[in-house]
N, C-alpha and C. Protein backbone atom coordinates (compact mmCIF):
# COMPACT_ATOMS: atom_id res chain seq x y z
N MET A 1 99.11 103.39 104.37
CA MET A 1 99.66 103.77 103.06
C MET A 1 98.73 104.82 102.40
N ALA A 2 98.35 104.58 101.19
CA ALA A 2 97.55 105.59 100.46
C ALA A 2 96.21 105.74 101.18
N ASN A 3 95.66 106.94 101.13
CA ASN A 3 94.37 107.20 101.79
C ASN A 3 93.21 106.60 100.98
N ALA A 4 92.00 106.77 101.47
CA ALA A 4 90.83 106.15 100.86
C ALA A 4 90.61 106.65 99.43
N HIS A 5 91.02 107.88 99.15
CA HIS A 5 90.84 108.46 97.81
C HIS A 5 91.99 108.09 96.90
N GLN A 6 93.01 107.51 97.45
CA GLN A 6 94.21 107.09 96.70
C GLN A 6 94.83 108.26 95.93
N ASN A 7 94.80 109.45 96.54
CA ASN A 7 95.40 110.58 95.86
C ASN A 7 96.71 111.04 96.49
N ASN A 8 97.27 110.21 97.43
CA ASN A 8 98.54 110.59 98.04
C ASN A 8 99.58 109.52 97.85
N TRP A 9 99.40 108.65 96.88
CA TRP A 9 100.32 107.55 96.63
C TRP A 9 101.72 108.03 96.36
N ASP A 10 101.84 109.21 95.75
CA ASP A 10 103.13 109.70 95.38
C ASP A 10 104.02 110.02 96.59
N GLU A 11 103.41 110.22 97.75
CA GLU A 11 104.20 110.46 98.96
C GLU A 11 104.96 109.26 99.40
N TYR A 12 104.59 108.08 98.97
CA TYR A 12 105.21 106.83 99.35
C TYR A 12 106.13 106.27 98.27
N LEU A 13 106.19 106.91 97.12
CA LEU A 13 106.94 106.41 95.98
C LEU A 13 108.43 106.31 96.27
N ASP A 14 109.02 107.36 96.80
CA ASP A 14 110.47 107.36 97.05
C ASP A 14 110.88 106.22 97.94
N GLY A 15 110.14 106.02 99.02
CA GLY A 15 110.48 104.93 99.96
C GLY A 15 110.30 103.56 99.33
N ALA A 16 109.25 103.42 98.55
CA ALA A 16 109.01 102.14 97.86
C ALA A 16 110.08 101.82 96.83
N LEU A 17 110.47 102.82 96.10
CA LEU A 17 111.53 102.62 95.09
C LEU A 17 112.88 102.33 95.74
N PHE A 18 113.20 103.05 96.84
CA PHE A 18 114.46 102.82 97.52
C PHE A 18 114.48 101.38 98.07
N SER A 19 113.36 100.96 98.62
CA SER A 19 113.27 99.61 99.16
C SER A 19 113.51 98.58 98.08
N GLN A 20 112.86 98.76 96.94
CA GLN A 20 113.02 97.82 95.83
C GLN A 20 114.45 97.81 95.28
N ARG A 21 115.06 99.00 95.19
CA ARG A 21 116.39 99.10 94.62
C ARG A 21 117.49 98.61 95.56
N THR A 22 117.21 98.48 96.83
CA THR A 22 118.24 98.05 97.75
C THR A 22 118.00 96.66 98.31
N LYS A 23 117.05 95.95 97.72
CA LYS A 23 116.80 94.58 98.11
C LYS A 23 117.57 93.62 97.21
N ARG A 24 118.28 92.68 97.83
CA ARG A 24 119.04 91.70 97.05
C ARG A 24 118.08 90.75 96.34
N HIS A 25 118.30 90.56 95.05
CA HIS A 25 117.41 89.74 94.24
C HIS A 25 118.04 88.34 94.10
N SER A 26 117.22 87.34 94.17
CA SER A 26 117.70 85.96 94.15
C SER A 26 118.30 85.59 92.80
N SER A 27 117.84 86.15 91.73
CA SER A 27 118.35 85.78 90.40
C SER A 27 119.75 86.33 90.15
N THR A 28 120.06 87.53 90.60
CA THR A 28 121.37 88.15 90.37
C THR A 28 122.30 88.06 91.59
N LYS A 29 121.73 87.87 92.74
CA LYS A 29 122.45 87.84 94.04
C LYS A 29 123.01 89.24 94.37
N PHE A 30 122.52 90.26 93.70
CA PHE A 30 122.90 91.64 93.92
C PHE A 30 121.68 92.54 94.06
N THR A 31 121.87 93.74 94.59
CA THR A 31 120.80 94.72 94.57
C THR A 31 120.86 95.47 93.26
N PRO A 32 119.72 95.94 92.77
CA PRO A 32 119.73 96.75 91.57
C PRO A 32 120.64 97.98 91.69
N PHE A 33 120.66 98.56 92.90
CA PHE A 33 121.51 99.71 93.17
C PHE A 33 122.98 99.36 92.92
N PHE A 34 123.40 98.21 93.42
CA PHE A 34 124.81 97.80 93.26
C PHE A 34 125.12 97.56 91.79
N LEU A 35 124.20 96.94 91.07
CA LEU A 35 124.48 96.69 89.65
C LEU A 35 124.56 97.97 88.83
N LEU A 36 123.91 99.00 89.28
CA LEU A 36 123.94 100.30 88.55
C LEU A 36 125.17 101.12 88.95
N TYR A 37 125.46 101.18 90.27
CA TYR A 37 126.51 102.08 90.76
C TYR A 37 127.76 101.39 91.26
N CYS A 38 127.82 100.07 91.24
CA CYS A 38 128.96 99.28 91.69
C CYS A 38 129.34 99.55 93.16
N ARG A 39 128.34 99.85 93.94
CA ARG A 39 128.49 100.03 95.40
C ARG A 39 127.14 99.90 96.03
N GLU A 40 127.07 99.53 97.30
CA GLU A 40 125.80 99.44 97.98
C GLU A 40 125.30 100.83 98.38
N ALA A 41 124.04 100.95 98.50
CA ALA A 41 123.41 102.23 98.86
C ALA A 41 123.68 102.53 100.34
N VAL A 42 123.78 103.81 100.63
CA VAL A 42 123.87 104.28 102.02
C VAL A 42 122.48 104.68 102.45
N PHE A 43 122.04 104.10 103.54
CA PHE A 43 120.70 104.41 104.02
C PHE A 43 120.62 105.82 104.55
N PRO A 44 119.51 106.49 104.37
CA PRO A 44 119.40 107.92 104.74
C PRO A 44 119.46 108.13 106.27
N SER A 45 119.20 107.13 107.01
CA SER A 45 119.28 107.23 108.47
C SER A 45 119.67 105.88 109.02
N PRO A 46 120.23 105.87 110.22
CA PRO A 46 120.63 104.56 110.78
C PRO A 46 119.39 103.69 110.99
N LEU A 47 119.62 102.42 110.77
CA LEU A 47 118.53 101.46 111.00
C LEU A 47 118.35 101.30 112.50
N PRO A 48 117.12 101.15 112.91
CA PRO A 48 116.84 100.96 114.34
C PRO A 48 117.44 99.66 114.83
N PRO A 49 117.90 99.63 116.08
CA PRO A 49 118.47 98.37 116.57
C PRO A 49 117.41 97.31 116.72
N ALA A 50 117.80 96.08 116.58
CA ALA A 50 116.89 94.96 116.74
C ALA A 50 116.79 94.59 118.22
N PHE A 51 115.60 94.51 118.72
CA PHE A 51 115.36 94.18 120.10
C PHE A 51 114.64 92.85 120.19
N THR A 52 114.86 92.14 121.29
CA THR A 52 114.09 90.95 121.55
C THR A 52 112.75 91.39 122.12
N GLY A 53 111.84 90.49 122.16
CA GLY A 53 110.50 90.79 122.71
C GLY A 53 110.57 91.30 124.15
N GLU A 54 111.44 90.63 124.95
CA GLU A 54 111.59 91.02 126.33
C GLU A 54 112.18 92.44 126.44
N GLU A 55 113.15 92.74 125.64
CA GLU A 55 113.74 94.08 125.67
C GLU A 55 112.69 95.14 125.25
N CYS A 56 111.88 94.81 124.26
CA CYS A 56 110.82 95.77 123.84
C CYS A 56 109.85 96.02 124.97
N ASP A 57 109.43 94.96 125.66
CA ASP A 57 108.52 95.07 126.77
C ASP A 57 109.10 96.01 127.86
N THR A 58 110.40 95.84 128.16
CA THR A 58 111.06 96.65 129.14
C THR A 58 111.08 98.11 128.70
N ILE A 59 111.38 98.35 127.43
CA ILE A 59 111.40 99.72 126.93
C ILE A 59 110.03 100.35 127.00
N VAL A 60 109.01 99.62 126.61
CA VAL A 60 107.66 100.17 126.63
C VAL A 60 107.24 100.50 128.07
N ILE A 61 107.54 99.61 129.03
CA ILE A 61 107.21 99.87 130.43
C ILE A 61 107.93 101.10 130.92
N LYS A 62 109.21 101.24 130.62
CA LYS A 62 109.94 102.42 131.07
C LYS A 62 109.38 103.68 130.44
N ASN A 63 108.98 103.65 129.17
CA ASN A 63 108.43 104.81 128.54
C ASN A 63 107.07 105.18 129.13
N ARG A 64 106.28 104.22 129.48
CA ARG A 64 105.01 104.46 130.12
C ARG A 64 105.20 105.12 131.48
N ARG A 65 106.15 104.62 132.22
CA ARG A 65 106.43 105.23 133.54
C ARG A 65 106.86 106.69 133.38
N PHE A 66 107.70 106.92 132.36
CA PHE A 66 108.19 108.30 132.13
C PHE A 66 107.05 109.23 131.73
N GLN A 67 106.12 108.72 130.92
CA GLN A 67 105.04 109.56 130.46
C GLN A 67 104.06 109.89 131.61
N TYR A 68 103.88 108.99 132.55
CA TYR A 68 102.91 109.21 133.61
C TYR A 68 103.51 109.90 134.84
N ASN A 69 104.81 110.01 134.89
CA ASN A 69 105.45 110.67 136.07
C ASN A 69 105.64 112.13 135.82
């Protein structure tokens, strides 16, 4: 996150705010974004697929083989 001098915190602000605004809150059961705009937010990029540990190991092994060949 922020560097040792803590002078680059602003580079992380957009992501932190987006995360907070798109998280469902237990008290309202809605995201703040939905309460403001009456729709859920569209993420700026597709979310990465969820992999099992075994699938991740296979992907890592294949990538290593590709890098060394």
